[in-house]
Amino acid sequence: MTSNDYLNMYANDREDRYHHLPPLDIAIKISRILSKRFKVKDIDLNRREMLANKFNITDCSLSKLLEEIKYHQI
């Protein structure tokens, strides 16, 4: 998936700000961390909360991003 594809998904996401996908720069940082250390299926609730807190996004936003990573390989 290219950054333009992600930006299109981000722009078309009609959820409120607590359930919205994170901005592209944060999504790239999270995907880089995940690609070096984890697989999406291995991330438990504690790691989700830690990543969400580290990047100042909601847990729901992170979960939505993880689903996109799992299906589209950002």
PDB file of N, CA and C in Angstrom:
ATOM      1  N   MET A   1       0.841  -1.172   0.000  1.00  0.00           N
ATOM      2  CA  MET A   1       0.000   0.000   0.000  1.00  0.00           C
ATOM      3  C   MET A   1       0.886   1.234   0.000  1.00  0.00           C
ATOM      4  N   THR A   2       0.550   2.185  -0.806  1.00  0.00           N
ATOM      5  CA  THR A   2       1.322   3.415  -0.880  1.00  0.00           C
ATOM      6  C   THR A   2       0.748   4.441   0.095  1.00  0.00           C
ATOM      7  N   SER A   3       1.501   5.495   0.303  1.00  0.00           N
ATOM      8  CA  SER A   3       1.024   6.542   1.196  1.00  0.00           C
ATOM      9  C   SER A   3      -0.207   7.245   0.622  1.00  0.00           C
ATOM     10  N   ASN A   4      -0.309   7.328  -0.703  1.00  0.00           N
ATOM     11  CA  ASN A   4      -1.504   7.922  -1.303  1.00  0.00           C
ATOM     12  C   ASN A   4      -2.738   7.081  -1.020  1.00  0.00           C
ATOM     13  N   ASP A   5      -2.589   5.755  -1.075  1.00  0.00           N
ATOM     14  CA  ASP A   5      -3.706   4.869  -0.748  1.00  0.00           C
ATOM     15  C   ASP A   5      -4.152   5.080   0.693  1.00  0.00           C
ATOM     16  N   TYR A   6      -3.179   5.196   1.592  1.00  0.00           N
ATOM     17  CA  TYR A   6      -3.525   5.414   2.996  1.00  0.00           C
ATOM     18  C   TYR A   6      -4.213   6.759   3.183  1.00  0.00           C
ATOM     19  N   LEU A   7      -3.705   7.790   2.526  1.00  0.00           N
ATOM     20  CA  LEU A   7      -4.320   9.112   2.647  1.00  0.00           C
ATOM     21  C   LEU A   7      -5.758   9.103   2.128  1.00  0.00           C
ATOM     22  N   ASN A   8      -6.021   8.323   1.082  1.00  0.00           N
ATOM     23  CA  ASN A   8      -7.392   8.195   0.588  1.00  0.00           C
ATOM     24  C   ASN A   8      -8.272   7.505   1.629  1.00  0.00           C
ATOM     25  N   MET A   9      -7.775   6.444   2.245  1.00  0.00           N
ATOM     26  CA  MET A   9      -8.538   5.777   3.301  1.00  0.00           C
ATOM     27  C   MET A   9      -8.769   6.719   4.472  1.00  0.00           C
ATOM     28  N   TYR A  10      -7.740   7.488   4.826  1.00  0.00           N
ATOM     29  CA  TYR A  10      -7.831   8.437   5.936  1.00  0.00           C
ATOM     30  C   TYR A  10      -8.879   9.510   5.638  1.00  0.00           C
ATOM     31  N   ALA A  11      -8.875  10.012   4.420  1.00  0.00           N
ATOM     32  CA  ALA A  11      -9.826  11.062   4.044  1.00  0.00           C
ATOM     33  C   ALA A  11     -11.258  10.534   3.968  1.00  0.00           C
ATOM     34  N   ASN A  12     -11.420   9.287   3.607  1.00  0.00           N
ATOM     35  CA  ASN A  12     -12.758   8.714   3.469  1.00  0.00           C
ATOM     36  C   ASN A  12     -13.279   8.092   4.763  1.00  0.00           C
ATOM     37  N   ASP A  13     -12.479   8.085   5.801  1.00  0.00           N
ATOM     38  CA  ASP A  13     -12.898   7.533   7.085  1.00  0.00           C
ATOM     39  C   ASP A  13     -13.870   8.509   7.738  1.00  0.00           C
ATOM     40  N   ARG A  14     -15.088   8.084   7.938  1.00  0.00           N
ATOM     41  CA  ARG A  14     -16.140   8.962   8.455  1.00  0.00           C
ATOM     42  C   ARG A  14     -16.382   8.802   9.957  1.00  0.00           C
ATOM     43  N   GLU A  15     -15.510   8.110  10.637  1.00  0.00           N
ATOM     44  CA  GLU A  15     -15.662   7.917  12.077  1.00  0.00           C
ATOM     45  C   GLU A  15     -15.347   9.218  12.814  1.00  0.00           C
ATOM     46  N   ASP A  16     -15.767   9.286  14.075  1.00  0.00           N
ATOM     47  CA  ASP A  16     -15.421  10.448  14.879  1.00  0.00           C
ATOM     48  C   ASP A  16     -13.932  10.432  15.211  1.00  0.00           C
ATOM     49  N   ARG A  17     -13.457  11.472  15.843  1.00  0.00           N
ATOM     50  CA  ARG A  17     -12.004  11.605  16.032  1.00  0.00           C
ATOM     51  C   ARG A  17     -11.411  10.535  16.933  1.00  0.00           C
ATOM     52  N   TYR A  18     -12.209   9.885  17.758  1.00  0.00           N
ATOM     53  CA  TYR A  18     -11.690   8.843  18.644  1.00  0.00           C
ATOM     54  C   TYR A  18     -11.586   7.492  17.951  1.00  0.00           C
ATOM     55  N   HIS A  19     -12.279   7.330  16.835  1.00  0.00           N
ATOM     56  CA  HIS A  19     -12.262   6.074  16.105  1.00  0.00           C
ATOM     57  C   HIS A  19     -11.637   6.217  14.725  1.00  0.00           C
ATOM     58  N   HIS A  20     -11.123   7.387  14.428  1.00  0.00           N
ATOM     59  CA  HIS A  20     -10.548   7.695  13.116  1.00  0.00           C
ATOM     60  C   HIS A  20      -9.151   7.101  12.997  1.00  0.00           C
ATOM     61  N   LEU A  21      -8.772   6.755  11.781  1.00  0.00           N
ATOM     62  CA  LEU A  21      -7.400   6.296  11.553  1.00  0.00           C
ATOM     63  C   LEU A  21      -6.409   7.377  11.977  1.00  0.00           C
ATOM     64  N   PRO A  22      -5.238   6.990  12.468  1.00  0.00           N
ATOM     65  CA  PRO A  22      -4.228   7.992  12.825  1.00  0.00           C
ATOM     66  C   PRO A  22      -3.655   8.650  11.571  1.00  0.00           C
ATOM     67  N   PRO A  23      -3.085   9.847  11.711  1.00  0.00           N
ATOM     68  CA  PRO A  23      -2.456  10.513  10.558  1.00  0.00           C
ATOM     69  C   PRO A  23      -1.333   9.667   9.963  1.00  0.00           C
ATOM     70  N   LEU A  24      -0.994   9.963   8.728  1.00  0.00           N
ATOM     71  CA  LEU A  24      -0.012   9.170   7.986  1.00  0.00           C
ATOM     72  C   LEU A  24       1.332   9.089   8.686  1.00  0.00           C
ATOM     73  N   ASP A  25       1.838  10.196   9.212  1.00  0.00           N
ATOM     74  CA  ASP A  25       3.162  10.167   9.847  1.00  0.00           C
ATOM     75  C   ASP A  25       3.186   9.225  11.051  1.00  0.00           C
ATOM     76  N   ILE A  26       2.122   9.200  11.819  1.00  0.00           N
ATOM     77  CA  ILE A  26       2.054   8.286  12.960  1.00  0.00           C
ATOM     78  C   ILE A  26       1.896   6.849  12.480  1.00  0.00           C
ATOM     79  N   ALA A  27       1.089   6.644  11.447  1.00  0.00           N
ATOM     80  CA  ALA A  27       0.893   5.293  10.899  1.00  0.00           C
ATOM     81  C   ALA A  27       2.215   4.716  10.390  1.00  0.00           C
ATOM     82  N   ILE A  28       3.019   5.542   9.764  1.00  0.00           N
ATOM     83  CA  ILE A  28       4.321   5.082   9.263  1.00  0.00           C
ATOM     84  C   ILE A  28       5.235   4.694  10.425  1.00  0.00           C
ATOM     85  N   LYS A  29       5.270   5.512  11.462  1.00  0.00           N
ATOM     86  CA  LYS A  29       6.118   5.200  12.622  1.00  0.00           C
ATOM     87  C   LYS A  29       5.692   3.896  13.282  1.00  0.00           C
ATOM     88  N   ILE A  30       4.388   3.713  13.458  1.00  0.00           N
ATOM     89  CA  ILE A  30       3.886   2.494  14.089  1.00  0.00           C
ATOM     90  C   ILE A  30       4.190   1.281  13.222  1.00  0.00           C
ATOM     91  N   SER A  31       3.986   1.394  11.922  1.00  0.00           N
ATOM     92  CA  SER A  31       4.243   0.248  11.051  1.00  0.00           C
ATOM     93  C   SER A  31       5.728  -0.105  11.010  1.00  0.00           C
ATOM     94  N   ARG A  32       6.599   0.873  11.129  1.00  0.00           N
ATOM     95  CA  ARG A  32       8.037   0.583  11.186  1.00  0.00           C
ATOM     96  C   ARG A  32       8.404  -0.157  12.468  1.00  0.00           C
ATOM     97  N   ILE A  33       7.837   0.276  13.585  1.00  0.00           N
ATOM     98  CA  ILE A  33       8.094  -0.404  14.850  1.00  0.00           C
ATOM     99  C   ILE A  33       7.591  -1.840  14.778  1.00  0.00           C
ATOM    100  N   LEU A  34       6.392  -2.000  14.247  1.00  0.00           N
ATOM    101  CA  LEU A  34       5.811  -3.339  14.163  1.00  0.00           C
ATOM    102  C   LEU A  34       6.608  -4.244  13.243  1.00  0.00           C
ATOM    103  N   SER A  35       7.089  -3.705  12.145  1.00  0.00           N
ATOM    104  CA  SER A  35       7.825  -4.545  11.195  1.00  0.00           C
ATOM    105  C   SER A  35       9.160  -5.014  11.763  1.00  0.00           C
ATOM    106  N   LYS A  36       9.718  -4.268  12.688  1.00  0.00           N
ATOM    107  CA  LYS A  36      11.002  -4.648  13.276  1.00  0.00           C
ATOM    108  C   LYS A  36      10.849  -5.616  14.440  1.00  0.00           C
ATOM    109  N   ARG A  37       9.737  -5.519  15.175  1.00  0.00           N
ATOM    110  CA  ARG A  37       9.657  -6.266  16.429  1.00  0.00           C
ATOM    111  C   ARG A  37       8.501  -7.245  16.547  1.00  0.00           C
ATOM    112  N   PHE A  38       7.396  -6.980  15.888  1.00  0.00           N
ATOM    113  CA  PHE A  38       6.185  -7.758  16.140  1.00  0.00           C
ATOM    114  C   PHE A  38       5.496  -8.155  14.851  1.00  0.00           C
ATOM    115  N   LYS A  39       4.547  -9.071  14.994  1.00  0.00           N
ATOM    116  CA  LYS A  39       3.566  -9.350  13.964  1.00  0.00           C
ATOM    117  C   LYS A  39       2.245  -8.833  14.509  1.00  0.00           C
ATOM    118  N   VAL A  40       1.360  -8.412  13.632  1.00  0.00           N
ATOM    119  CA  VAL A  40       0.102  -7.835  14.083  1.00  0.00           C
ATOM    120  C   VAL A  40      -0.667  -8.802  14.979  1.00  0.00           C
ATOM    121  N   LYS A  41      -0.650 -10.067  14.636  1.00  0.00           N
ATOM    122  CA  LYS A  41      -1.405 -11.045  15.428  1.00  0.00           C
ATOM    123  C   LYS A  41      -0.808 -11.264  16.810  1.00  0.00           C
ATOM    124  N   ASP A  42       0.449 -10.880  17.036  1.00  0.00           N
ATOM    125  CA  ASP A  42       1.109 -11.077  18.320  1.00  0.00           C
ATOM    126  C   ASP A  42       0.915  -9.929  19.302  1.00  0.00           C
ATOM    127  N   ILE A  43       0.249  -8.879  18.886  1.00  0.00           N
ATOM    128  CA  ILE A  43       0.107  -7.706  19.740  1.00  0.00           C
ATOM    129  C   ILE A  43      -1.076  -7.906  20.679  1.00  0.00           C
ATOM    130  N   ASP A  44      -0.784  -7.952  21.964  1.00  0.00           N
ATOM    131  CA  ASP A  44      -1.836  -8.126  22.954  1.00  0.00           C
ATOM    132  C   ASP A  44      -2.354  -6.760  23.422  1.00  0.00           C
ATOM    133  N   LEU A  45      -3.286  -6.780  24.339  1.00  0.00           N
ATOM    134  CA  LEU A  45      -3.926  -5.554  24.804  1.00  0.00           C
ATOM    135  C   LEU A  45      -2.927  -4.597  25.447  1.00  0.00           C
ATOM    136  N   ASN A  46      -1.994  -5.109  26.228  1.00  0.00           N
ATOM    137  CA  ASN A  46      -1.006  -4.250  26.884  1.00  0.00           C
ATOM    138  C   ASN A  46      -0.124  -3.530  25.867  1.00  0.00           C
ATOM    139  N   ARG A  47       0.298  -4.230  24.824  1.00  0.00           N
ATOM    140  CA  ARG A  47       1.131  -3.590  23.798  1.00  0.00           C
ATOM    141  C   ARG A  47       0.337  -2.561  23.007  1.00  0.00           C
ATOM    142  N   ARG A  48      -0.929  -2.859  22.748  1.00  0.00           N
ATOM    143  CA  ARG A  48      -1.780  -1.882  22.055  1.00  0.00           C
ATOM    144  C   ARG A  48      -1.893  -0.594  22.857  1.00  0.00           C
ATOM    145  N   GLU A  49      -2.152  -0.742  24.153  1.00  0.00           N
ATOM    146  CA  GLU A  49      -2.264   0.434  25.011  1.00  0.00           C
ATOM    147  C   GLU A  49      -0.951   1.196  25.078  1.00  0.00           C
ATOM    148  N   MET A  50       0.164   0.479  25.154  1.00  0.00           N
ATOM    149  CA  MET A  50       1.477   1.128  25.210  1.00  0.00           C
ATOM    150  C   MET A  50       1.756   1.916  23.936  1.00  0.00           C
ATOM    151  N   LEU A  51       1.484   1.300  22.774  1.00  0.00           N
ATOM    152  CA  LEU A  51       1.704   1.992  21.503  1.00  0.00           C
ATOM    153  C   LEU A  51       0.773   3.185  21.351  1.00  0.00           C
ATOM    154  N   ALA A  52      -0.479   3.024  21.737  1.00  0.00           N
ATOM    155  CA  ALA A  52      -1.433   4.127  21.641  1.00  0.00           C
ATOM    156  C   ALA A  52      -1.007   5.293  22.522  1.00  0.00           C
ATOM    157  N   ASN A  53      -0.562   5.002  23.728  1.00  0.00           N
ATOM    158  CA  ASN A  53      -0.100   6.061  24.625  1.00  0.00           C
ATOM    159  C   ASN A  53       1.167   6.730  24.101  1.00  0.00           C
ATOM    160  N   LYS A  54       2.061   5.934  23.556  1.00  0.00           N
ATOM    161  CA  LYS A  54       3.322   6.483  23.055  1.00  0.00           C
ATOM    162  C   LYS A  54       3.095   7.465  21.912  1.00  0.00           C
ATOM    163  N   PHE A  55       2.134   7.167  21.044  1.00  0.00           N
ATOM    164  CA  PHE A  55       1.893   8.018  19.882  1.00  0.00           C
ATOM    165  C   PHE A  55       0.690   8.934  20.057  1.00  0.00           C
ATOM    166  N   ASN A  56       0.132   8.965  21.273  1.00  0.00           N
ATOM    167  CA  ASN A  56      -0.960   9.868  21.615  1.00  0.00           C
ATOM    168  C   ASN A  56      -2.166   9.698  20.690  1.00  0.00           C
ATOM    169  N   ILE A  57      -2.567   8.450  20.490  1.00  0.00           N
ATOM    170  CA  ILE A  57      -3.773   8.141  19.730  1.00  0.00           C
ATOM    171  C   ILE A  57      -4.651   7.244  20.601  1.00  0.00           C
ATOM    172  N   THR A  58      -5.897   7.069  20.199  1.00  0.00           N
ATOM    173  CA  THR A  58      -6.787   6.222  20.987  1.00  0.00           C
ATOM    174  C   THR A  58      -6.546   4.753  20.655  1.00  0.00           C
ATOM    175  N   ASP A  59      -6.962   3.895  21.569  1.00  0.00           N
ATOM    176  CA  ASP A  59      -6.839   2.448  21.349  1.00  0.00           C
ATOM    177  C   ASP A  59      -7.658   2.018  20.135  1.00  0.00           C
ATOM    178  N   CYS A  60      -8.811   2.642  19.947  1.00  0.00           N
ATOM    179  CA  CYS A  60      -9.662   2.306  18.796  1.00  0.00           C
ATOM    180  C   CYS A  60      -8.975   2.681  17.483  1.00  0.00           C
ATOM    181  N   SER A  61      -8.311   3.824  17.459  1.00  0.00           N
ATOM    182  CA  SER A  61      -7.582   4.239  16.255  1.00  0.00           C
ATOM    183  C   SER A  61      -6.460   3.262  15.943  1.00  0.00           C
ATOM    184  N   LEU A  62      -5.757   2.844  16.972  1.00  0.00           N
ATOM    185  CA  LEU A  62      -4.676   1.891  16.779  1.00  0.00           C
ATOM    186  C   LEU A  62      -5.215   0.551  16.291  1.00  0.00           C
ATOM    187  N   SER A  63      -6.317   0.104  16.855  1.00  0.00           N
ATOM    188  CA  SER A  63      -6.913  -1.159  16.415  1.00  0.00           C
ATOM    189  C   SER A  63      -7.334  -1.088  14.954  1.00  0.00           C
ATOM    190  N   LYS A  64      -7.890   0.038  14.571  1.00  0.00           N
ATOM    191  CA  LYS A  64      -8.296   0.220  13.178  1.00  0.00           C
ATOM    192  C   LYS A  64      -7.072   0.211  12.256  1.00  0.00           C
ATOM    193  N   LEU A  65      -5.996   0.857  12.678  1.00  0.00           N
ATOM    194  CA  LEU A  65      -4.761   0.852  11.902  1.00  0.00           C
ATOM    195  C   LEU A  65      -4.199  -0.559  11.793  1.00  0.00           C
ATOM    196  N   LEU A  66      -4.213  -1.316  12.876  1.00  0.00           N
ATOM    197  CA  LEU A  66      -3.695  -2.681  12.847  1.00  0.00           C
ATOM    198  C   LEU A  66      -4.494  -3.556  11.890  1.00  0.00           C
ATOM    199  N   GLU A  67      -5.795  -3.345  11.823  1.00  0.00           N
ATOM    200  CA  GLU A  67      -6.614  -4.085  10.863  1.00  0.00           C
ATOM    201  C   GLU A  67      -6.220  -3.738   9.431  1.00  0.00           C
ATOM    202  N   GLU A  68      -5.982  -2.461   9.167  1.00  0.00           N
ATOM    203  CA  GLU A  68      -5.556  -2.048   7.830  1.00  0.00           C
ATOM    204  C   GLU A  68      -4.186  -2.616   7.491  1.00  0.00           C
ATOM    205  N   ILE A  69      -3.290  -2.638   8.451  1.00  0.00           N
ATOM    206  CA  ILE A  69      -1.963  -3.207   8.222  1.00  0.00           C
ATOM    207  C   ILE A  69      -2.078  -4.698   7.915  1.00  0.00           C
ATOM    208  N   LYS A  70      -2.931  -5.370   8.657  1.00  0.00           N
ATOM    209  CA  LYS A  70      -3.085  -6.816   8.487  1.00  0.00           C
ATOM    210  C   LYS A  70      -3.632  -7.132   7.087  1.00  0.00           C
ATOM    211  N   TYR A  71      -4.596  -6.354   6.610  1.00  0.00           N
ATOM    212  CA  TYR A  71      -5.233  -6.661   5.341  1.00  0.00           C
ATOM    213  C   TYR A  71      -4.550  -6.042   4.130  1.00  0.00           C
ATOM    214  N   HIS A  72      -3.875  -4.924   4.302  1.00  0.00           N
ATOM    215  CA  HIS A  72      -3.311  -4.217   3.159  1.00  0.00           C
ATOM    216  C   HIS A  72      -1.799  -4.117   3.173  1.00  0.00           C
ATOM    217  N   GLN A  73      -1.178  -4.561   4.262  1.00  0.00           N
ATOM    218  CA  GLN A  73       0.286  -4.529   4.346  1.00  0.00           C
ATOM    219  C   GLN A  73       0.848  -3.130   4.094  1.00  0.00           C
ATOM    220  N   ILE A  74       0.501  -2.198   4.992  1.00  0.00           N
ATOM    221  CA  ILE A  74       1.023  -0.822   4.872  1.00  0.00           C
ATOM    222  C   ILE A  74       2.524  -0.853   5.047  1.00  0.00           C
TER     223      ILE A  74
END
